[in-house]
mmCIF file of all heavy atoms, coordinates in Angstrom:
data_MODEL
# 
_entry.id   MODEL 
# 
loop_
_atom_site.group_PDB 
_atom_site.id 
_atom_site.type_symbol 
_atom_site.label_atom_id 
_atom_site.label_alt_id 
_atom_site.label_comp_id 
_atom_site.label_asym_id 
_atom_site.label_entity_id 
_atom_site.label_seq_id 
_atom_site.pdbx_PDB_ins_code 
_atom_site.Cartn_x 
_atom_site.Cartn_y 
_atom_site.Cartn_z 
_atom_site.occupancy 
_atom_site.B_iso_or_equiv 
_atom_site.pdbx_formal_charge 
_atom_site.auth_seq_id 
_atom_site.auth_comp_id 
_atom_site.auth_asym_id 
_atom_site.auth_atom_id 
_atom_site.pdbx_PDB_model_num 
ATOM 1   N N   . THR A 1 1  ? -19.072 -21.395 23.973 1.00 0.00 ? 1  THR A N   1 
ATOM 2   C CA  . THR A 1 1  ? -20.244 -20.887 24.666 1.00 0.00 ? 1  THR A CA  1 
ATOM 3   C C   . THR A 1 1  ? -21.085 -19.934 23.790 1.00 0.00 ? 1  THR A C   1 
ATOM 4   O O   . THR A 1 1  ? -22.313 -20.052 23.787 1.00 0.00 ? 1  THR A O   1 
ATOM 5   C CB  . THR A 1 1  ? -19.773 -20.099 25.927 1.00 0.00 ? 1  THR A CB  1 
ATOM 6   O OG1 . THR A 1 1  ? -18.961 -20.933 26.768 1.00 0.00 ? 1  THR A OG1 1 
ATOM 7   C CG2 . THR A 1 1  ? -20.897 -19.533 26.705 1.00 0.00 ? 1  THR A CG2 1 
ATOM 8   N N   . VAL A 1 2  ? -20.396 -19.102 23.017 1.00 0.00 ? 2  VAL A N   1 
ATOM 9   C CA  . VAL A 1 2  ? -21.132 -18.203 22.099 1.00 0.00 ? 2  VAL A CA  1 
ATOM 10  C C   . VAL A 1 2  ? -21.773 -18.999 21.012 1.00 0.00 ? 2  VAL A C   1 
ATOM 11  O O   . VAL A 1 2  ? -22.919 -18.719 20.617 1.00 0.00 ? 2  VAL A O   1 
ATOM 12  C CB  . VAL A 1 2  ? -20.146 -17.162 21.510 1.00 0.00 ? 2  VAL A CB  1 
ATOM 13  C CG1 . VAL A 1 2  ? -20.897 -16.298 20.527 1.00 0.00 ? 2  VAL A CG1 1 
ATOM 14  C CG2 . VAL A 1 2  ? -19.586 -16.225 22.598 1.00 0.00 ? 2  VAL A CG2 1 
ATOM 15  N N   . ARG A 1 3  ? -21.108 -20.016 20.551 1.00 0.00 ? 3  ARG A N   1 
ATOM 16  C CA  . ARG A 1 3  ? -21.695 -20.848 19.482 1.00 0.00 ? 3  ARG A CA  1 
ATOM 17  C C   . ARG A 1 3  ? -23.005 -21.506 19.894 1.00 0.00 ? 3  ARG A C   1 
ATOM 18  O O   . ARG A 1 3  ? -23.892 -21.686 19.149 1.00 0.00 ? 3  ARG A O   1 
ATOM 19  C CB  . ARG A 1 3  ? -20.729 -21.982 19.213 1.00 0.00 ? 3  ARG A CB  1 
ATOM 20  C CG  . ARG A 1 3  ? -21.064 -22.949 18.054 1.00 0.00 ? 3  ARG A CG  1 
ATOM 21  C CD  . ARG A 1 3  ? -20.083 -24.066 17.931 1.00 0.00 ? 3  ARG A CD  1 
ATOM 22  N NE  . ARG A 1 3  ? -20.316 -24.920 16.767 1.00 0.00 ? 3  ARG A NE  1 
ATOM 23  C CZ  . ARG A 1 3  ? -21.178 -25.870 16.853 1.00 0.00 ? 3  ARG A CZ  1 
ATOM 24  N NH1 . ARG A 1 3  ? -21.888 -26.143 17.914 1.00 0.00 ? 3  ARG A NH1 1 
ATOM 25  N NH2 . ARG A 1 3  ? -21.384 -26.688 15.737 1.00 0.00 ? 3  ARG A NH2 1 
ATOM 26  N N   . LYS A 1 4  ? -23.134 -21.765 21.181 1.00 0.00 ? 4  LYS A N   1 
ATOM 27  C CA  . LYS A 1 4  ? -24.390 -22.381 21.739 1.00 0.00 ? 4  LYS A CA  1 
ATOM 28  C C   . LYS A 1 4  ? -25.406 -21.375 22.117 1.00 0.00 ? 4  LYS A C   1 
ATOM 29  O O   . LYS A 1 4  ? -26.406 -21.672 22.717 1.00 0.00 ? 4  LYS A O   1 
ATOM 30  C CB  . LYS A 1 4  ? -24.085 -23.290 22.928 1.00 0.00 ? 4  LYS A CB  1 
ATOM 31  C CG  . LYS A 1 4  ? -23.168 -24.494 22.613 1.00 0.00 ? 4  LYS A CG  1 
ATOM 32  C CD  . LYS A 1 4  ? -22.771 -25.203 23.917 1.00 0.00 ? 4  LYS A CD  1 
ATOM 33  C CE  . LYS A 1 4  ? -21.848 -26.365 23.645 1.00 0.00 ? 4  LYS A CE  1 
ATOM 34  N NZ  . LYS A 1 4  ? -21.398 -27.003 24.883 1.00 0.00 ? 4  LYS A NZ  1 
ATOM 35  N N   . ASP A 1 5  ? -25.140 -20.075 21.823 1.00 0.00 ? 5  ASP A N   1 
ATOM 36  C CA  . ASP A 1 5  ? -26.017 -18.944 22.199 1.00 0.00 ? 5  ASP A CA  1 
ATOM 37  C C   . ASP A 1 5  ? -26.211 -18.927 23.768 1.00 0.00 ? 5  ASP A C   1 
ATOM 38  O O   . ASP A 1 5  ? -27.277 -18.691 24.219 1.00 0.00 ? 5  ASP A O   1 
ATOM 39  C CB  . ASP A 1 5  ? -27.390 -19.080 21.499 1.00 0.00 ? 5  ASP A CB  1 
ATOM 40  C CG  . ASP A 1 5  ? -28.267 -17.840 21.755 1.00 0.00 ? 5  ASP A CG  1 
ATOM 41  O OD1 . ASP A 1 5  ? -27.683 -16.749 22.014 1.00 0.00 ? 5  ASP A OD1 1 
ATOM 42  O OD2 . ASP A 1 5  ? -29.515 -17.982 21.641 1.00 0.00 ? 5  ASP A OD2 1 
ATOM 43  N N   . ALA A 1 6  ? -25.068 -19.190 24.432 1.00 0.00 ? 6  ALA A N   1 
ATOM 44  C CA  . ALA A 1 6  ? -25.166 -19.219 25.911 1.00 0.00 ? 6  ALA A CA  1 
ATOM 45  C C   . ALA A 1 6  ? -24.358 -18.053 26.465 1.00 0.00 ? 6  ALA A C   1 
ATOM 46  O O   . ALA A 1 6  ? -24.031 -18.103 27.687 1.00 0.00 ? 6  ALA A O   1 
ATOM 47  C CB  . ALA A 1 6  ? -24.587 -20.538 26.378 1.00 0.00 ? 6  ALA A CB  1 
ATOM 48  N N   . ALA A 1 7  ? -24.136 -17.031 25.673 1.00 0.00 ? 7  ALA A N   1 
ATOM 49  C CA  . ALA A 1 7  ? -23.357 -15.883 26.153 1.00 0.00 ? 7  ALA A CA  1 
ATOM 50  C C   . ALA A 1 7  ? -24.096 -14.621 25.756 1.00 0.00 ? 7  ALA A C   1 
ATOM 51  O O   . ALA A 1 7  ? -23.700 -13.973 24.719 1.00 0.00 ? 7  ALA A O   1 
ATOM 52  C CB  . ALA A 1 7  ? -21.894 -15.830 25.599 1.00 0.00 ? 7  ALA A CB  1 
ATOM 53  N N   . PRO A 1 8  ? -25.221 -14.282 26.393 1.00 0.00 ? 8  PRO A N   1 
ATOM 54  C CA  . PRO A 1 8  ? -25.978 -13.104 26.049 1.00 0.00 ? 8  PRO A CA  1 
ATOM 55  C C   . PRO A 1 8  ? -25.100 -11.856 25.875 1.00 0.00 ? 8  PRO A C   1 
ATOM 56  O O   . PRO A 1 8  ? -24.189 -11.608 26.712 1.00 0.00 ? 8  PRO A O   1 
ATOM 57  C CB  . PRO A 1 8  ? -26.966 -12.925 27.210 1.00 0.00 ? 8  PRO A CB  1 
ATOM 58  C CG  . PRO A 1 8  ? -27.051 -14.323 27.717 1.00 0.00 ? 8  PRO A CG  1 
ATOM 59  C CD  . PRO A 1 8  ? -25.678 -14.938 27.622 1.00 0.00 ? 8  PRO A CD  1 
ATOM 60  N N   . GLY A 1 9  ? -25.369 -11.119 24.811 1.00 0.00 ? 9  GLY A N   1 
ATOM 61  C CA  . GLY A 1 9  ? -24.542 -9.916  24.605 1.00 0.00 ? 9  GLY A CA  1 
ATOM 62  C C   . GLY A 1 9  ? -23.487 -10.091 23.636 1.00 0.00 ? 9  GLY A C   1 
ATOM 63  O O   . GLY A 1 9  ? -22.871 -9.055  23.169 1.00 0.00 ? 9  GLY A O   1 
ATOM 64  N N   . ARG A 1 10 ? -23.131 -11.278 23.278 1.00 0.00 ? 10 ARG A N   1 
ATOM 65  C CA  . ARG A 1 10 ? -22.124 -11.604 22.252 1.00 0.00 ? 10 ARG A CA  1 
ATOM 66  C C   . ARG A 1 10 ? -22.630 -12.513 21.225 1.00 0.00 ? 10 ARG A C   1 
ATOM 67  O O   . ARG A 1 10 ? -23.410 -13.361 21.470 1.00 0.00 ? 10 ARG A O   1 
ATOM 68  C CB  . ARG A 1 10 ? -20.787 -12.113 22.913 1.00 0.00 ? 10 ARG A CB  1 
ATOM 69  C CG  . ARG A 1 10 ? -20.119 -11.163 23.861 1.00 0.00 ? 10 ARG A CG  1 
ATOM 70  C CD  . ARG A 1 10 ? -18.782 -11.736 24.327 1.00 0.00 ? 10 ARG A CD  1 
ATOM 71  N NE  . ARG A 1 10 ? -18.986 -12.941 25.165 1.00 0.00 ? 10 ARG A NE  1 
ATOM 72  C CZ  . ARG A 1 10 ? -17.973 -13.776 25.466 1.00 0.00 ? 10 ARG A CZ  1 
ATOM 73  N NH1 . ARG A 1 10 ? -16.780 -13.483 25.040 1.00 0.00 ? 10 ARG A NH1 1 
ATOM 74  N NH2 . ARG A 1 10 ? -18.238 -14.799 26.218 1.00 0.00 ? 10 ARG A NH2 1 
ATOM 75  N N   . ILE A 1 11 ? -22.135 -12.356 19.981 1.00 0.00 ? 11 ILE A N   1 
ATOM 76  C CA  . ILE A 1 11 ? -22.639 -13.135 18.857 1.00 0.00 ? 11 ILE A CA  1 
ATOM 77  C C   . ILE A 1 11 ? -21.483 -13.636 18.032 1.00 0.00 ? 11 ILE A C   1 
ATOM 78  O O   . ILE A 1 11 ? -20.407 -13.023 17.981 1.00 0.00 ? 11 ILE A O   1 
ATOM 79  C CB  . ILE A 1 11 ? -23.605 -12.271 17.972 1.00 0.00 ? 11 ILE A CB  1 
ATOM 80  C CG1 . ILE A 1 11 ? -24.402 -13.186 17.058 1.00 0.00 ? 11 ILE A CG1 1 
ATOM 81  C CG2 . ILE A 1 11 ? -22.829 -11.255 17.168 1.00 0.00 ? 11 ILE A CG2 1 
ATOM 82  C CD1 . ILE A 1 11 ? -25.572 -12.434 16.367 1.00 0.00 ? 11 ILE A CD1 1 
ATOM 83  N N   . MET A 1 12 ? -21.666 -14.823 17.429 1.00 0.00 ? 12 MET A N   1 
ATOM 84  C CA  . MET A 1 12 ? -20.695 -15.486 16.599 1.00 0.00 ? 12 MET A CA  1 
ATOM 85  C C   . MET A 1 12 ? -20.879 -15.140 15.151 1.00 0.00 ? 12 MET A C   1 
ATOM 86  O O   . MET A 1 12 ? -21.970 -15.174 14.629 1.00 0.00 ? 12 MET A O   1 
ATOM 87  C CB  . MET A 1 12 ? -20.731 -16.979 16.782 1.00 0.00 ? 12 MET A CB  1 
ATOM 88  C CG  . MET A 1 12 ? -19.784 -17.845 15.991 1.00 0.00 ? 12 MET A CG  1 
ATOM 89  S SD  . MET A 1 12 ? -19.973 -19.621 16.428 1.00 0.00 ? 12 MET A SD  1 
ATOM 90  C CE  . MET A 1 12 ? -18.985 -20.372 15.199 1.00 0.00 ? 12 MET A CE  1 
ATOM 91  N N   . VAL A 1 13 ? -19.861 -14.619 14.466 1.00 0.00 ? 13 VAL A N   1 
ATOM 92  C CA  . VAL A 1 13 ? -19.878 -14.215 13.115 1.00 0.00 ? 13 VAL A CA  1 
ATOM 93  C C   . VAL A 1 13 ? -18.936 -15.094 12.328 1.00 0.00 ? 13 VAL A C   1 
ATOM 94  O O   . VAL A 1 13 ? -17.718 -15.178 12.671 1.00 0.00 ? 13 VAL A O   1 
ATOM 95  C CB  . VAL A 1 13 ? -19.514 -12.718 12.908 1.00 0.00 ? 13 VAL A CB  1 
ATOM 96  C CG1 . VAL A 1 13 ? -19.457 -12.324 11.427 1.00 0.00 ? 13 VAL A CG1 1 
ATOM 97  C CG2 . VAL A 1 13 ? -20.423 -11.851 13.730 1.00 0.00 ? 13 VAL A CG2 1 
ATOM 98  N N   . GLU A 1 14 ? -19.415 -15.776 11.278 1.00 0.00 ? 14 GLU A N   1 
ATOM 99  C CA  . GLU A 1 14 ? -18.478 -16.688 10.502 1.00 0.00 ? 14 GLU A CA  1 
ATOM 100 C C   . GLU A 1 14 ? -18.887 -16.632 9.047  1.00 0.00 ? 14 GLU A C   1 
ATOM 101 O O   . GLU A 1 14 ? -20.006 -16.555 8.648  1.00 0.00 ? 14 GLU A O   1 
ATOM 102 C CB  . GLU A 1 14 ? -18.552 -18.117 11.015 1.00 0.00 ? 14 GLU A CB  1 
ATOM 103 C CG  . GLU A 1 14 ? -19.924 -18.722 11.108 1.00 0.00 ? 14 GLU A CG  1 
ATOM 104 C CD  . GLU A 1 14 ? -19.855 -20.122 11.625 1.00 0.00 ? 14 GLU A CD  1 
ATOM 105 O OE1 . GLU A 1 14 ? -18.880 -20.868 11.243 1.00 0.00 ? 14 GLU A OE1 1 
ATOM 106 O OE2 . GLU A 1 14 ? -20.752 -20.565 12.369 1.00 0.00 ? 14 GLU A OE2 1 
ATOM 107 N N   . GLY A 1 15 ? -17.838 -16.559 8.220  1.00 0.00 ? 15 GLY A N   1 
ATOM 108 C CA  . GLY A 1 15 ? -17.992 -16.557 6.767  1.00 0.00 ? 15 GLY A CA  1 
ATOM 109 C C   . GLY A 1 15 ? -17.485 -15.271 6.159  1.00 0.00 ? 15 GLY A C   1 
ATOM 110 O O   . GLY A 1 15 ? -17.254 -14.229 6.842  1.00 0.00 ? 15 GLY A O   1 
ATOM 111 N N   . ALA A 1 16 ? -17.397 -15.243 4.858  1.00 0.00 ? 16 ALA A N   1 
ATOM 112 C CA  . ALA A 1 16 ? -16.807 -14.126 4.180  1.00 0.00 ? 16 ALA A CA  1 
ATOM 113 C C   . ALA A 1 16 ? -17.745 -12.877 4.081  1.00 0.00 ? 16 ALA A C   1 
ATOM 114 O O   . ALA A 1 16 ? -17.353 -11.823 4.514  1.00 0.00 ? 16 ALA A O   1 
ATOM 115 C CB  . ALA A 1 16 ? -16.493 -14.534 2.669  1.00 0.00 ? 16 ALA A CB  1 
ATOM 116 N N   . TRP A 1 17 ? -18.967 -13.080 3.547  1.00 0.00 ? 17 TRP A N   1 
ATOM 117 C CA  . TRP A 1 17 ? -19.844 -11.939 3.494  1.00 0.00 ? 17 TRP A CA  1 
ATOM 118 C C   . TRP A 1 17 ? -20.209 -11.447 4.825  1.00 0.00 ? 17 TRP A C   1 
ATOM 119 O O   . TRP A 1 17 ? -20.476 -10.211 5.053  1.00 0.00 ? 17 TRP A O   1 
ATOM 120 C CB  . TRP A 1 17 ? -21.124 -12.144 2.570  1.00 0.00 ? 17 TRP A CB  1 
ATOM 121 C CG  . TRP A 1 17 ? -22.144 -12.976 3.276  1.00 0.00 ? 17 TRP A CG  1 
ATOM 122 C CD1 . TRP A 1 17 ? -22.444 -14.319 3.103  1.00 0.00 ? 17 TRP A CD1 1 
ATOM 123 C CD2 . TRP A 1 17 ? -23.149 -12.494 4.219  1.00 0.00 ? 17 TRP A CD2 1 
ATOM 124 N NE1 . TRP A 1 17 ? -23.539 -14.688 3.820  1.00 0.00 ? 17 TRP A NE1 1 
ATOM 125 C CE2 . TRP A 1 17 ? -23.964 -13.617 4.555  1.00 0.00 ? 17 TRP A CE2 1 
ATOM 126 C CE3 . TRP A 1 17 ? -23.366 -11.296 4.849  1.00 0.00 ? 17 TRP A CE3 1 
ATOM 127 C CZ2 . TRP A 1 17 ? -25.033 -13.539 5.475  1.00 0.00 ? 17 TRP A CZ2 1 
ATOM 128 C CZ3 . TRP A 1 17 ? -24.438 -11.172 5.748  1.00 0.00 ? 17 TRP A CZ3 1 
ATOM 129 C CH2 . TRP A 1 17 ? -25.209 -12.278 5.969  1.00 0.00 ? 17 TRP A CH2 1 
ATOM 130 N N   . GLU A 1 18 ? -20.300 -12.300 5.809  1.00 0.00 ? 18 GLU A N   1 
ATOM 131 C CA  . GLU A 1 18 ? -20.655 -11.931 7.184  1.00 0.00 ? 18 GLU A CA  1 
ATOM 132 C C   . GLU A 1 18 ? -19.481 -10.994 7.774  1.00 0.00 ? 18 GLU A C   1 
ATOM 133 O O   . GLU A 1 18 ? -19.851 -10.001 8.423  1.00 0.00 ? 18 GLU A O   1 
ATOM 134 C CB  . GLU A 1 18 ? -20.796 -13.184 8.081  1.00 0.00 ? 18 GLU A CB  1 
ATOM 135 C CG  . GLU A 1 18 ? -22.002 -13.971 7.810  1.00 0.00 ? 18 GLU A CG  1 
ATOM 136 C CD  . GLU A 1 18 ? -21.831 -15.041 6.753  1.00 0.00 ? 18 GLU A CD  1 
ATOM 137 O OE1 . GLU A 1 18 ? -20.788 -15.036 6.050  1.00 0.00 ? 18 GLU A OE1 1 
ATOM 138 O OE2 . GLU A 1 18 ? -22.665 -16.014 6.658  1.00 0.00 ? 18 GLU A OE2 1 
ATOM 139 N N   . HIS A 1 19 ? -18.253 -11.309 7.434  1.00 0.00 ? 19 HIS A N   1 
ATOM 140 C CA  . HIS A 1 19 ? -17.232 -10.480 7.882  1.00 0.00 ? 19 HIS A CA  1 
ATOM 141 C C   . HIS A 1 19 ? -17.131 -9.129  7.092  1.00 0.00 ? 19 HIS A C   1 
ATOM 142 O O   . HIS A 1 19 ? -16.697 -8.114  7.606  1.00 0.00 ? 19 HIS A O   1 
ATOM 143 C CB  . HIS A 1 19 ? -15.878 -11.203 7.824  1.00 0.00 ? 19 HIS A CB  1 
ATOM 144 C CG  . HIS A 1 19 ? -15.668 -12.073 9.096  1.00 0.00 ? 19 HIS A CG  1 
ATOM 145 N ND1 . HIS A 1 19 ? -16.277 -13.293 9.186  1.00 0.00 ? 19 HIS A ND1 1 
ATOM 146 C CD2 . HIS A 1 19 ? -14.982 -11.785 10.226 1.00 0.00 ? 19 HIS A CD2 1 
ATOM 147 C CE1 . HIS A 1 19 ? -15.925 -13.810 10.352 1.00 0.00 ? 19 HIS A CE1 1 
ATOM 148 N NE2 . HIS A 1 19 ? -15.208 -12.947 11.044 1.00 0.00 ? 19 HIS A NE2 1 
ATOM 149 N N   . ASP A 1 20 ? -17.576 -9.189  5.811  1.00 0.00 ? 20 ASP A N   1 
ATOM 150 C CA  . ASP A 1 20 ? -17.646 -7.868  5.039  1.00 0.00 ? 20 ASP A CA  1 
ATOM 151 C C   . ASP A 1 20 ? -18.694 -7.010  5.718  1.00 0.00 ? 20 ASP A C   1 
ATOM 152 O O   . ASP A 1 20 ? -18.435 -5.819  5.853  1.00 0.00 ? 20 ASP A O   1 
ATOM 153 C CB  . ASP A 1 20 ? -18.078 -8.235  3.603  1.00 0.00 ? 20 ASP A CB  1 
ATOM 154 C CG  . ASP A 1 20 ? -17.032 -8.826  2.756  1.00 0.00 ? 20 ASP A CG  1 
ATOM 155 O OD1 . ASP A 1 20 ? -15.824 -8.710  3.153  1.00 0.00 ? 20 ASP A OD1 1 
ATOM 156 O OD2 . ASP A 1 20 ? -17.370 -9.445  1.714  1.00 0.00 ? 20 ASP A OD2 1 
ATOM 157 N N   . GLN A 1 21 ? -19.807 -7.574  6.177  1.00 0.00 ? 21 GLN A N   1 
ATOM 158 C CA  . GLN A 1 21 ? -20.822 -6.769  6.915  1.00 0.00 ? 21 GLN A CA  1 
ATOM 159 C C   . GLN A 1 21 ? -20.166 -6.242  8.225  1.00 0.00 ? 21 GLN A C   1 
ATOM 160 O O   . GLN A 1 21 ? -20.378 -5.133  8.609  1.00 0.00 ? 21 GLN A O   1 
ATOM 161 C CB  . GLN A 1 21 ? -22.061 -7.573  7.196  1.00 0.00 ? 21 GLN A CB  1 
ATOM 162 C CG  . GLN A 1 21 ? -22.862 -7.929  5.946  1.00 0.00 ? 21 GLN A CG  1 
ATOM 163 C CD  . GLN A 1 21 ? -23.276 -6.748  5.139  1.00 0.00 ? 21 GLN A CD  1 
ATOM 164 O OE1 . GLN A 1 21 ? -22.759 -6.509  4.063  1.00 0.00 ? 21 GLN A OE1 1 
ATOM 165 N NE2 . GLN A 1 21 ? -24.155 -5.992  5.714  1.00 0.00 ? 21 GLN A NE2 1 
ATOM 166 N N   . LEU A 1 22 ? -19.429 -7.098  8.891  1.00 0.00 ? 22 LEU A N   1 
ATOM 167 C CA  . LEU A 1 22 ? -18.824 -6.707  10.128 1.00 0.00 ? 22 LEU A CA  1 
ATOM 168 C C   . LEU A 1 22 ? -17.874 -5.511  9.986  1.00 0.00 ? 22 LEU A C   1 
ATOM 169 O O   . LEU A 1 22 ? -17.869 -4.561  10.751 1.00 0.00 ? 22 LEU A O   1 
ATOM 170 C CB  . LEU A 1 22 ? -18.090 -7.904  10.736 1.00 0.00 ? 22 LEU A CB  1 
ATOM 171 C CG  . LEU A 1 22 ? -17.271 -7.602  12.025 1.00 0.00 ? 22 LEU A CG  1 
ATOM 172 C CD1 . LEU A 1 22 ? -18.129 -7.076  13.154 1.00 0.00 ? 22 LEU A CD1 1 
ATOM 173 C CD2 . LEU A 1 22 ? -16.526 -8.928  12.473 1.00 0.00 ? 22 LEU A CD2 1 
ATOM 174 N N   . LEU A 1 23 ? -17.075 -5.511  8.797  1.00 0.00 ? 23 LEU A N   1 
ATOM 175 C CA  . LEU A 1 23 ? -16.158 -4.491  8.571  1.00 0.00 ? 23 LEU A CA  1 
ATOM 176 C C   . LEU A 1 23 ? -16.802 -3.084  8.299  1.00 0.00 ? 23 LEU A C   1 
ATOM 177 O O   . LEU A 1 23 ? -16.251 -2.074  8.491  1.00 0.00 ? 23 LEU A O   1 
ATOM 178 C CB  . LEU A 1 23 ? -15.230 -4.870  7.425  1.00 0.00 ? 23 LEU A CB  1 
ATOM 179 C CG  . LEU A 1 23 ? -14.172 -5.942  7.706  1.00 0.00 ? 23 LEU A CG  1 
ATOM 180 C CD1 . LEU A 1 23 ? -13.610 -6.550  6.443  1.00 0.00 ? 23 LEU A CD1 1 
ATOM 181 C CD2 . LEU A 1 23 ? -13.101 -5.367  8.643  1.00 0.00 ? 23 LEU A CD2 1 
ATOM 182 N N   . THR A 1 24 ? -18.088 -3.182  7.736  1.00 0.00 ? 24 THR A N   1 
ATOM 183 C CA  . THR A 1 24 ? -18.785 -1.939  7.519  1.00 0.00 ? 24 THR A CA  1 
ATOM 184 C C   . THR A 1 24 ? -19.528 -1.400  8.699  1.00 0.00 ? 24 THR A C   1 
ATOM 185 O O   . THR A 1 24 ? -20.061 -0.302  8.616  1.00 0.00 ? 24 THR A O   1 
ATOM 186 C CB  . THR A 1 24 ? -19.755 -2.108  6.332  1.00 0.00 ? 24 THR A CB  1 
ATOM 187 O OG1 . THR A 1 24 ? -20.779 -3.065  6.706  1.00 0.00 ? 24 THR A OG1 1 
ATOM 188 C CG2 . THR A 1 24 ? -19.093 -2.633  5.085  1.00 0.00 ? 24 THR A CG2 1 
ATOM 189 N N   . SER A 1 25 ? -19.590 -2.181  9.773  1.00 0.00 ? 25 SER A N   1 
ATOM 190 C CA  . SER A 1 25 ? -20.346 -1.790  10.985 1.00 0.00 ? 25 SER A CA  1 
ATOM 191 C C   . SER A 1 25 ? -19.601 -0.879  11.891 1.00 0.00 ? 25 SER A C   1 
ATOM 192 O O   . SER A 1 25 ? -20.185 -0.333  12.838 1.00 0.00 ? 25 SER A O   1 
ATOM 193 C CB  . SER A 1 25 ? -20.770 -2.990  11.689 1.00 0.00 ? 25 SER A CB  1 
ATOM 194 O OG  . SER A 1 25 ? -19.728 -3.645  12.363 1.00 0.00 ? 25 SER A OG  1 
ATOM 195 N N   . ALA A 1 26 ? -18.309 -0.790  11.776 1.00 0.00 ? 26 ALA A N   1 
ATOM 196 C CA  . ALA A 1 26 ? -17.472 0.054   12.711 1.00 0.00 ? 26 ALA A CA  1 
ATOM 197 C C   . ALA A 1 26 ? -17.479 -0.619  14.091 1.00 0.00 ? 26 ALA A C   1 
ATOM 198 O O   . ALA A 1 26 ? -17.145 0.103   15.039 1.00 0.00 ? 26 ALA A O   1 
ATOM 199 C CB  . ALA A 1 26 ? -17.947 1.412   12.794 1.00 0.00 ? 26 ALA A CB  1 
ATOM 200 N N   . ILE A 1 27 ? -17.845 -1.892  14.193 1.00 0.00 ? 27 ILE A N   1 
ATOM 201 C CA  . ILE A 1 27 ? -17.774 -2.571  15.520 1.00 0.00 ? 27 ILE A CA  1 
ATOM 202 C C   . ILE A 1 27 ? -16.543 -3.514  15.456 1.00 0.00 ? 27 ILE A C   1 
ATOM 203 O O   . ILE A 1 27 ? -16.435 -4.371  14.582 1.00 0.00 ? 27 ILE A O   1 
ATOM 204 C CB  . ILE A 1 27 ? -19.026 -3.327  15.858 1.00 0.00 ? 27 ILE A CB  1 
ATOM 205 C CG1 . ILE A 1 27 ? -20.154 -2.342  16.046 1.00 0.00 ? 27 ILE A CG1 1 
ATOM 206 C CG2 . ILE A 1 27 ? -18.874 -4.252  17.034 1.00 0.00 ? 27 ILE A CG2 1 
ATOM 207 C CD1 . ILE A 1 27 ? -21.498 -3.046  16.258 1.00 0.00 ? 27 ILE A CD1 1 
ATOM 208 N N   . ASP A 1 28 ? -15.677 -3.440  16.454 1.00 0.00 ? 28 ASP A N   1 
ATOM 209 C CA  . ASP A 1 28 ? -14.480 -4.244  16.447 1.00 0.00 ? 28 ASP A CA  1 
ATOM 210 C C   . ASP A 1 28 ? -14.757 -5.609  17.145 1.00 0.00 ? 28 ASP A C   1 
ATOM 211 O O   . ASP A 1 28 ? -15.347 -5.628  18.225 1.00 0.00 ? 28 ASP A O   1 
ATOM 212 C CB  . ASP A 1 28 ? -13.319 -3.533  17.195 1.00 0.00 ? 28 ASP A CB  1 
ATOM 213 C CG  . ASP A 1 28 ? -12.892 -2.214  16.426 1.00 0.00 ? 28 ASP A CG  1 
ATOM 214 O OD1 . ASP A 1 28 ? -13.128 -2.172  15.220 1.00 0.00 ? 28 ASP A OD1 1 
ATOM 215 O OD2 . ASP A 1 28 ? -12.358 -1.363  17.119 1.00 0.00 ? 28 ASP A OD2 1 
# 
């Protein structure tokens, strides 16, 4: 559902540098 952008308020994160950014955001 998130993959299809059908879940407003949630986003799909995939890949190495994308997760590096996620880790610096303090969002779990």
